[in-house]
Amino acid sequence: MMMMTVMVTVMTMMMVMTVMVTVMTVMVTVM
């Protein structure tokens, strides 16, 4: 049970980080 929550949290954090990096790259490209 605990491992499942940890895995989900890690996956969510990774997805959020990738999205943030993509948004930053797009903003820099637009500027």
PDB file of N, CA and C in Angstrom:
ATOM      1  N   MET A   1       0.851  -1.203   0.000  1.00  0.00           N
ATOM      2  CA  MET A   1       0.000   0.000   0.000  1.00  0.00           C
ATOM      3  C   MET A   1       0.888   1.256   0.000  1.00  0.00           C
ATOM      4  N   MET A   2       1.818   1.302   0.915  1.00  0.00           N
ATOM      5  CA  MET A   2       2.676   2.483   1.012  1.00  0.00           C
ATOM      6  C   MET A   2       3.510   2.657  -0.257  1.00  0.00           C
ATOM      7  N   MET A   3       4.075   1.566  -0.753  1.00  0.00           N
ATOM      8  CA  MET A   3       4.901   1.654  -1.961  1.00  0.00           C
ATOM      9  C   MET A   3       4.088   2.206  -3.126  1.00  0.00           C
ATOM     10  N   MET A   4       2.831   1.821  -3.214  1.00  0.00           N
ATOM     11  CA  MET A   4       1.979   2.294  -4.303  1.00  0.00           C
ATOM     12  C   MET A   4       1.850   3.819  -4.235  1.00  0.00           C
ATOM     13  N   THR A   5       1.594   4.337  -3.044  1.00  0.00           N
ATOM     14  CA  THR A   5       1.450   5.796  -2.899  1.00  0.00           C
ATOM     15  C   THR A   5       2.747   6.495  -3.289  1.00  0.00           C
ATOM     16  N   VAL A   6       3.887   5.935  -2.846  1.00  0.00           N
ATOM     17  CA  VAL A   6       5.189   6.558  -3.148  1.00  0.00           C
ATOM     18  C   VAL A   6       5.418   6.571  -4.658  1.00  0.00           C
ATOM     19  N   MET A   7       5.125   5.458  -5.320  1.00  0.00           N
ATOM     20  CA  MET A   7       5.322   5.380  -6.775  1.00  0.00           C
ATOM     21  C   MET A   7       4.444   6.398  -7.498  1.00  0.00           C
ATOM     22  N   VAL A   8       3.190   6.498  -7.081  1.00  0.00           N
ATOM     23  CA  VAL A   8       2.274   7.463  -7.716  1.00  0.00           C
ATOM     24  C   VAL A   8       2.782   8.888  -7.505  1.00  0.00           C
ATOM     25  N   THR A   9       3.241   9.179  -6.288  1.00  0.00           N
ATOM     26  CA  THR A   9       3.748  10.529  -6.000  1.00  0.00           C
ATOM     27  C   THR A   9       4.956  10.848  -6.873  1.00  0.00           C
ATOM     28  N   VAL A  10       5.885   9.890  -6.988  1.00  0.00           N
ATOM     29  CA  VAL A  10       7.097  10.110  -7.796  1.00  0.00           C
ATOM     30  C   VAL A  10       6.715  10.328  -9.263  1.00  0.00           C
ATOM     31  N   MET A  11       5.800   9.523  -9.766  1.00  0.00           N
ATOM     32  CA  MET A  11       5.373   9.670 -11.169  1.00  0.00           C
ATOM     33  C   MET A  11       4.729  11.035 -11.394  1.00  0.00           C
ATOM     34  N   THR A  12       3.900  11.465 -10.439  1.00  0.00           N
ATOM     35  CA  THR A  12       3.253  12.773 -10.575  1.00  0.00           C
ATOM     36  C   THR A  12       4.294  13.885 -10.574  1.00  0.00           C
ATOM     37  N   MET A  13       5.267  13.811  -9.670  1.00  0.00           N
ATOM     38  CA  MET A  13       6.310  14.840  -9.603  1.00  0.00           C
ATOM     39  C   MET A  13       7.099  14.885 -10.906  1.00  0.00           C
ATOM     40  N   MET A  14       7.428  13.723 -11.450  1.00  0.00           N
ATOM     41  CA  MET A  14       8.176  13.681 -12.712  1.00  0.00           C
ATOM     42  C   MET A  14       7.363  14.314 -13.837  1.00  0.00           C
ATOM     43  N   MET A  15       6.080  14.006 -13.892  1.00  0.00           N
ATOM     44  CA  MET A  15       5.223  14.579 -14.937  1.00  0.00           C
ATOM     45  C   MET A  15       5.154  16.095 -14.793  1.00  0.00           C
ATOM     46  N   VAL A  16       5.003  16.572 -13.564  1.00  0.00           N
ATOM     47  CA  VAL A  16       4.916  18.020 -13.325  1.00  0.00           C
ATOM     48  C   VAL A  16       6.221  18.694 -13.751  1.00  0.00           C
ATOM     49  N   MET A  17       7.362  18.086 -13.410  1.00  0.00           N
ATOM     50  CA  MET A  17       8.658  18.674 -13.776  1.00  0.00           C
ATOM     51  C   MET A  17       8.809  18.741 -15.293  1.00  0.00           C
ATOM     52  N   THR A  18       8.433  17.667 -15.993  1.00  0.00           N
ATOM     53  CA  THR A  18       8.573  17.668 -17.453  1.00  0.00           C
ATOM     54  C   THR A  18       7.677  18.741 -18.067  1.00  0.00           C
ATOM     55  N   VAL A  19       6.464  18.872 -17.532  1.00  0.00           N
ATOM     56  CA  VAL A  19       5.538  19.894 -18.046  1.00  0.00           C
ATOM     57  C   VAL A  19       6.123  21.286 -17.816  1.00  0.00           C
ATOM     58  N   MET A  20       6.685  21.527 -16.631  1.00  0.00           N
ATOM     59  CA  MET A  20       7.270  22.839 -16.335  1.00  0.00           C
ATOM     60  C   MET A  20       8.423  23.140 -17.285  1.00  0.00           C
ATOM     61  N   VAL A  21       9.269  22.140 -17.528  1.00  0.00           N
ATOM     62  CA  VAL A  21      10.412  22.340 -18.434  1.00  0.00           C
ATOM     63  C   VAL A  21       9.914  22.650 -19.843  1.00  0.00           C
ATOM     64  N   THR A  22       8.887  21.922 -20.273  1.00  0.00           N
ATOM     65  CA  THR A  22       8.332  22.163 -21.614  1.00  0.00           C
ATOM     66  C   THR A  22       7.773  23.580 -21.715  1.00  0.00           C
ATOM     67  N   VAL A  23       7.038  24.005 -20.698  1.00  0.00           N
ATOM     68  CA  VAL A  23       6.451  25.355 -20.705  1.00  0.00           C
ATOM     69  C   VAL A  23       7.562  26.405 -20.741  1.00  0.00           C
ATOM     70  N   MET A  24       8.621  26.211 -19.948  1.00  0.00           N
ATOM     71  CA  MET A  24       9.730  27.171 -19.941  1.00  0.00           C
ATOM     72  C   MET A  24      10.379  27.238 -21.318  1.00  0.00           C
ATOM     73  N   THR A  25      10.586  26.078 -21.935  1.00  0.00           N
ATOM     74  CA  THR A  25      11.213  26.049 -23.261  1.00  0.00           C
ATOM     75  C   THR A  25      10.348  26.793 -24.275  1.00  0.00           C
ATOM     76  N   VAL A  26       9.048  26.554 -24.225  1.00  0.00           N
ATOM     77  CA  VAL A  26       8.130  27.223 -25.161  1.00  0.00           C
ATOM     78  C   VAL A  26       8.167  28.738 -24.935  1.00  0.00           C
ATOM     79  N   MET A  27       8.170  29.160 -23.683  1.00  0.00           N
ATOM     80  CA  MET A  27       8.203  30.597 -23.388  1.00  0.00           C
ATOM     81  C   MET A  27       9.483  31.224 -23.924  1.00  0.00           C
ATOM     82  N   VAL A  28      10.610  30.546 -23.710  1.00  0.00           N
ATOM     83  CA  VAL A  28      11.897  31.073 -24.185  1.00  0.00           C
ATOM     84  C   VAL A  28      11.885  31.144 -25.712  1.00  0.00           C
ATOM     85  N   THR A  29      11.327  30.124 -26.352  1.00  0.00           N
ATOM     86  CA  THR A  29      11.277  30.110 -27.820  1.00  0.00           C
ATOM     87  C   THR A  29      10.405  31.256 -28.328  1.00  0.00           C
ATOM     88  N   VAL A  30       9.267  31.474 -27.668  1.00  0.00           N
ATOM     89  CA  VAL A  30       8.356  32.547 -28.091  1.00  0.00           C
ATOM     90  C   VAL A  30       9.040  33.907 -27.905  1.00  0.00           C
ATOM     91  N   MET A  31       9.740  34.085 -26.790  1.00  0.00           N
ATOM     92  CA  MET A  31      10.442  35.347 -26.552  1.00  0.00           C
ATOM     93  C   MET A  31      11.603  35.484 -27.519  1.00  0.00           C
TER      94      MET A  31
END
